[in-house]
Every structure is written in structure tokens, then in C-alpha cells.
C-alpha atoms as a PDB file:
ATOM      1  CA  MET A   1     -17.918   6.129  21.767  1.00  0.00           C
ATOM      2  CA  SER A   2     -15.639   4.299  24.164  1.00  0.00           C
ATOM      3  CA  SER A   3     -12.706   2.103  23.188  1.00  0.00           C
ATOM      4  CA  ALA A   4     -14.857  -0.996  23.772  1.00  0.00           C
ATOM      5  CA  GLU A   5     -16.198  -2.674  20.663  1.00  0.00           C
ATOM      6  CA  LEU A   6     -19.783  -2.026  19.656  1.00  0.00           C
ATOM      7  CA  THR A   7     -21.969  -5.081  20.204  1.00  0.00           C
ATOM      8  CA  PRO A   8     -24.606  -6.130  17.673  1.00  0.00           C
ATOM      9  CA  ALA A   9     -27.339  -5.256  20.186  1.00  0.00           C
ATOM     10  CA  GLU A  10     -25.879  -1.771  20.680  1.00  0.00           C
ATOM     11  CA  ALA A  11     -25.644  -1.284  16.911  1.00  0.00           C
ATOM     12  CA  ALA A  12     -29.320  -2.166  16.586  1.00  0.00           C
ATOM     13  CA  ARG A  13     -30.240   0.198  19.412  1.00  0.00           C
ATOM     14  CA  TRP A  14     -28.268   3.118  17.943  1.00  0.00           C
ATOM     15  CA  ALA A  15     -29.706   2.483  14.490  1.00  0.00           C
ATOM     16  CA  ALA A  16     -33.241   2.440  15.901  1.00  0.00           C
ATOM     17  CA  ARG A  17     -32.577   5.703  17.765  1.00  0.00           C
ATOM     18  CA  ALA A  18     -31.496   7.236  14.453  1.00  0.00           C
ATOM     19  CA  GLY A  19     -34.707   6.038  12.822  1.00  0.00           C
ATOM     20  CA  LEU A  20     -32.950   3.307  10.854  1.00  0.00           C
ATOM     21  CA  PRO A  21     -34.417  -0.033  11.883  1.00  0.00           C
ATOM     22  CA  LEU A  22     -32.055  -2.912  11.089  1.00  0.00           C
ATOM     23  CA  PRO A  23     -33.048  -6.473  10.283  1.00  0.00           C
ATOM     24  CA  ALA A  24     -31.650  -8.861  12.890  1.00  0.00           C
ATOM     25  CA  ASP A  25     -29.273 -10.486  10.398  1.00  0.00           C
ATOM     26  CA  ARG A  26     -27.520  -7.105   9.841  1.00  0.00           C
ATOM     27  CA  HIS A  27     -26.737  -6.263  13.490  1.00  0.00           C
ATOM     28  CA  ALA A  28     -23.367  -8.025  13.595  1.00  0.00           C
ATOM     29  CA  VAL A  29     -22.261  -6.668  10.208  1.00  0.00           C
ATOM     30  CA  VAL A  30     -23.184  -3.101  11.139  1.00  0.00           C
ATOM     31  CA  ALA A  31     -21.395  -3.420  14.489  1.00  0.00           C
ATOM     32  CA  ALA A  32     -18.237  -4.721  12.789  1.00  0.00           C
ATOM     33  CA  THR A  33     -18.356  -1.928  10.208  1.00  0.00           C
ATOM     34  CA  ALA A  34     -18.813   0.715  12.907  1.00  0.00           C
ATOM     35  CA  ASP A  35     -15.860  -0.724  14.844  1.00  0.00           C
ATOM     36  CA  HIS A  36     -13.694  -0.577  11.716  1.00  0.00           C
ATOM     37  CA  ILE A  37     -14.671   3.037  11.022  1.00  0.00           C
ATOM     38  CA  HIS A  38     -13.962   3.908  14.655  1.00  0.00           C
ATOM     39  CA  SER A  39     -10.476   2.359  14.435  1.00  0.00           C
ATOM     40  CA  VAL A  40      -9.670   4.290  11.238  1.00  0.00           C
ATOM     41  CA  VAL A  41     -10.866   7.577  12.744  1.00  0.00           C
ATOM     42  CA  ALA A  42      -8.786   6.885  15.862  1.00  0.00           C
ATOM     43  CA  VAL A  43      -5.659   6.614  13.688  1.00  0.00           C
ATOM     44  CA  LEU A  44      -6.539   9.837  11.847  1.00  0.00           C
ATOM     45  CA  ARG A  45      -6.948  11.653  15.158  1.00  0.00           C
ATOM     46  CA  GLU A  46      -3.345  10.799  16.041  1.00  0.00           C
ATOM     47  CA  LEU A  47      -1.918  12.535  12.945  1.00  0.00           C
ATOM     48  CA  ASP A  48      -0.153  15.842  13.452  1.00  0.00           C
ATOM     49  CA  PHE A  49      -1.540  18.477  11.095  1.00  0.00           C
ATOM     50  CA  GLY A  50       0.191  21.356  12.869  1.00  0.00           C
ATOM     51  CA  ASP A  51       1.848  22.797   9.735  1.00  0.00           C
ATOM     52  CA  THR A  52      -1.065  22.068   7.404  1.00  0.00           C
ATOM     53  CA  PRO A  53      -3.090  25.144   6.495  1.00  0.00           C
ATOM     54  CA  PRO A  54      -6.867  24.874   6.760  1.00  0.00           C
ATOM     55  CA  ALA A  55      -8.779  23.964   3.605  1.00  0.00           C
ATOM     56  CA  LEU A  56      -9.970  27.561   3.274  1.00  0.00           C
ATOM     57  CA  ALA A  57      -6.373  28.577   2.496  1.00  0.00           C
ATOM     58  CA  TYR A  58      -6.241  26.360  -0.627  1.00  0.00           C
ATOM     59  CA  ARG A  59      -6.870  28.094  -3.959  1.00  0.00           C
ATOM     60  CA  ALA A  60      -7.107  25.748  -6.945  1.00  0.00           C
ATOM     61  CA  GLU A  61      -6.706  28.565  -9.479  1.00  0.00           C
ATOM     62  CA  GLN A  62      -3.250  29.334  -8.067  1.00  0.00           C
ATOM     63  CA  GLU A  63      -1.998  25.821  -8.706  1.00  0.00           C
ATOM     64  CA  THR A  64       0.750  25.430 -11.331  1.00  0.00           C
ATOM     65  CA  HIS A  65       0.077  22.541 -13.680  1.00  0.00           C
ATOM     66  CA  ASP A  66       3.179  20.676 -14.786  1.00  0.00           C
ATOM     67  CA  ALA A  67       2.940  17.572 -16.946  1.00  0.00           C
ATOM     68  CA  ALA A  68       6.451  16.437 -16.048  1.00  0.00           C
ATOM     69  CA  VAL A  69       6.568  13.259 -14.065  1.00  0.00           C
END
């Protein structure tokens, strides 16, 4: 998806391609929601996770539980 905002007509077209027909009154709302999600994902993509181990390295049973706050 480009940096340009999704138009209501494009949202309807993409939904139809996915087999999810949208009523006309939902096109603008879906487009706005998709734009918001895209902006959040764009911020997440900028985060540096270089020192973060992959999720497979996490072992819940090894966690020490401490009730101290």
C-alpha cells in the first residue's frame, strides 16, 4: 500500500476482491479505519528490535514470579 490515503472507492474495491462486499454507507468508515491501521503499522516498522530475541527464545516456565512491586 502506498503512502497515499485509501479512498472509499478503493476500500470497496479491495473488500469486494476479498469476497467481502461492503454496503455503500460503510466505504468511508472502512477506508478511514484502514488508513489508521496503516499509520500504526508504519510507526511499528520504524522501531528498532535489534537486541530483542525472537519469540521462540521466550520460555514462560523459566520466568521468576515476584510479587514485590
